[in-house]
Amino acid sequence: MSGPNGEPGVTVRPEEEEEEVPEEEYAALNLMLDQINSCLDNLEEKNDVLNAKLHELLESNRQVRMEFRQQQTASTDSQDRDA
């Protein structure tokens, strides 16, 4: 028998034939999904913290580079005046 959209090889069973899944399996699946969700939340939190630290590091790096360029410019200007 073909599927609902005419796909060959896909069988459709009447609803009466569907297997009953024991309640324990649903409970076990829910527990696993809760654990996975908790792990994902933890990873997302760590990612947010790392992202914030990276932004701080980048900003600090920009400041240091700017100060270094200003010192170089001041040093070059001083040498030009002395020459």
C-alpha atoms as a PDB file:
ATOM      1  CA  MET A   1       0.000   0.000   0.000  1.00  0.00           C
ATOM      2  CA  SER A   2       1.270   3.498  -0.711  1.00  0.00           C
ATOM      3  CA  GLY A   3       1.549   6.339   1.779  1.00  0.00           C
ATOM      4  CA  PRO A   4      -0.915   9.187   2.273  1.00  0.00           C
ATOM      5  CA  ASN A   5       0.730  11.215  -0.506  1.00  0.00           C
ATOM      6  CA  GLY A   6       1.123   8.258  -2.830  1.00  0.00           C
ATOM      7  CA  GLU A   7       4.757   7.505  -1.851  1.00  0.00           C
ATOM      8  CA  PRO A   8       5.575   3.900  -2.682  1.00  0.00           C
ATOM      9  CA  GLY A   9       6.926   1.726   0.086  1.00  0.00           C
ATOM     10  CA  VAL A  10       5.323   3.764   2.877  1.00  0.00           C
ATOM     11  CA  THR A  11       2.654   1.876   4.675  1.00  0.00           C
ATOM     12  CA  VAL A  12      -0.076   3.464   6.693  1.00  0.00           C
ATOM     13  CA  ARG A  13      -1.507   1.481   9.576  1.00  0.00           C
ATOM     14  CA  PRO A  14      -4.966   2.085  10.860  1.00  0.00           C
ATOM     15  CA  GLU A  15      -4.958   3.777  14.250  1.00  0.00           C
ATOM     16  CA  GLU A  16      -6.281   0.685  15.973  1.00  0.00           C
ATOM     17  CA  GLU A  17      -3.041  -1.152  15.175  1.00  0.00           C
ATOM     18  CA  GLU A  18      -0.714   1.405  16.826  1.00  0.00           C
ATOM     19  CA  GLU A  19       1.331  -0.028  19.654  1.00  0.00           C
ATOM     20  CA  GLU A  20       0.762   1.210  23.167  1.00  0.00           C
ATOM     21  CA  VAL A  21       3.865   2.718  24.708  1.00  0.00           C
ATOM     22  CA  PRO A  22       4.207   1.952  28.404  1.00  0.00           C
ATOM     23  CA  GLU A  23       3.953   4.919  30.746  1.00  0.00           C
ATOM     24  CA  GLU A  24       7.420   4.100  32.143  1.00  0.00           C
ATOM     25  CA  GLU A  25       8.983   4.709  28.715  1.00  0.00           C
ATOM     26  CA  TYR A  26       7.343   8.128  28.520  1.00  0.00           C
ATOM     27  CA  ALA A  27       8.596   8.935  32.008  1.00  0.00           C
ATOM     28  CA  ALA A  28      12.127   7.797  31.086  1.00  0.00           C
ATOM     29  CA  LEU A  29      12.039   9.841  27.883  1.00  0.00           C
ATOM     30  CA  ASN A  30      10.814  12.902  29.771  1.00  0.00           C
ATOM     31  CA  LEU A  31      13.612  12.500  32.289  1.00  0.00           C
ATOM     32  CA  MET A  32      16.223  12.224  29.530  1.00  0.00           C
ATOM     33  CA  LEU A  33      14.792  15.249  27.734  1.00  0.00           C
ATOM     34  CA  ASP A  34      14.851  17.228  30.983  1.00  0.00           C
ATOM     35  CA  GLN A  35      18.499  16.278  31.499  1.00  0.00           C
ATOM     36  CA  ILE A  36      19.385  17.243  27.931  1.00  0.00           C
ATOM     37  CA  ASN A  37      17.534  20.535  28.340  1.00  0.00           C
ATOM     38  CA  SER A  38      19.406  21.217  31.570  1.00  0.00           C
ATOM     39  CA  CYS A  39      22.744  20.495  29.876  1.00  0.00           C
ATOM     40  CA  LEU A  40      21.856  22.774  26.977  1.00  0.00           C
ATOM     41  CA  ASP A  41      20.853  25.549  29.369  1.00  0.00           C
ATOM     42  CA  ASN A  42      24.176  25.135  31.172  1.00  0.00           C
ATOM     43  CA  LEU A  43      26.094  25.279  27.884  1.00  0.00           C
ATOM     44  CA  GLU A  44      24.172  28.366  26.809  1.00  0.00           C
ATOM     45  CA  GLU A  45      24.985  30.088  30.102  1.00  0.00           C
ATOM     46  CA  LYS A  46      28.686  29.226  29.766  1.00  0.00           C
ATOM     47  CA  ASN A  47      28.633  30.450  26.178  1.00  0.00           C
ATOM     48  CA  ASP A  48      27.115  33.763  27.283  1.00  0.00           C
ATOM     49  CA  VAL A  49      29.799  34.178  29.966  1.00  0.00           C
ATOM     50  CA  LEU A  50      32.579  33.369  27.496  1.00  0.00           C
ATOM     51  CA  ASN A  51      31.097  35.753  24.960  1.00  0.00           C
ATOM     52  CA  ALA A  52      31.004  38.563  27.540  1.00  0.00           C
ATOM     53  CA  LYS A  53      34.619  37.865  28.549  1.00  0.00           C
ATOM     54  CA  LEU A  54      35.666  37.890  24.899  1.00  0.00           C
ATOM     55  CA  HIS A  55      34.039  41.289  24.380  1.00  0.00           C
ATOM     56  CA  GLU A  56      35.838  42.616  27.466  1.00  0.00           C
ATOM     57  CA  LEU A  57      39.143  41.261  26.166  1.00  0.00           C
ATOM     58  CA  LEU A  58      38.591  42.786  22.731  1.00  0.00           C
ATOM     59  CA  GLU A  59      37.744  46.166  24.230  1.00  0.00           C
ATOM     60  CA  SER A  60      40.798  46.017  26.477  1.00  0.00           C
ATOM     61  CA  ASN A  61      42.934  45.117  23.473  1.00  0.00           C
ATOM     62  CA  ARG A  62      41.547  48.106  21.525  1.00  0.00           C
ATOM     63  CA  GLN A  63      42.355  50.431  24.410  1.00  0.00           C
ATOM     64  CA  VAL A  64      45.928  49.133  24.695  1.00  0.00           C
ATOM     65  CA  ARG A  65      46.490  49.474  20.947  1.00  0.00           C
ATOM     66  CA  MET A  66      45.101  53.013  20.978  1.00  0.00           C
ATOM     67  CA  GLU A  67      47.360  54.006  23.881  1.00  0.00           C
ATOM     68  CA  PHE A  68      50.349  52.400  22.147  1.00  0.00           C
ATOM     69  CA  ARG A  69      49.649  54.339  18.927  1.00  0.00           C
ATOM     70  CA  GLN A  70      49.314  57.574  20.899  1.00  0.00           C
ATOM     71  CA  GLN A  71      52.662  56.921  22.577  1.00  0.00           C
ATOM     72  CA  GLN A  72      54.264  56.181  19.207  1.00  0.00           C
ATOM     73  CA  THR A  73      52.804  59.342  17.712  1.00  0.00           C
ATOM     74  CA  ALA A  74      53.976  61.426  20.685  1.00  0.00           C
ATOM     75  CA  SER A  75      57.440  59.891  20.462  1.00  0.00           C
ATOM     76  CA  THR A  76      57.645  60.530  16.700  1.00  0.00           C
ATOM     77  CA  ASP A  77      56.458  64.131  17.147  1.00  0.00           C
ATOM     78  CA  SER A  78      59.051  64.677  19.869  1.00  0.00           C
ATOM     79  CA  GLN A  79      61.842  63.296  17.686  1.00  0.00           C
ATOM     80  CA  ASP A  80      60.710  65.486  14.745  1.00  0.00           C
ATOM     81  CA  ARG A  81      60.862  68.623  16.909  1.00  0.00           C
ATOM     82  CA  ASP A  82      64.320  67.774  18.203  1.00  0.00           C
ATOM     83  CA  ALA A  83      65.707  67.229  14.681  1.00  0.00           C
END
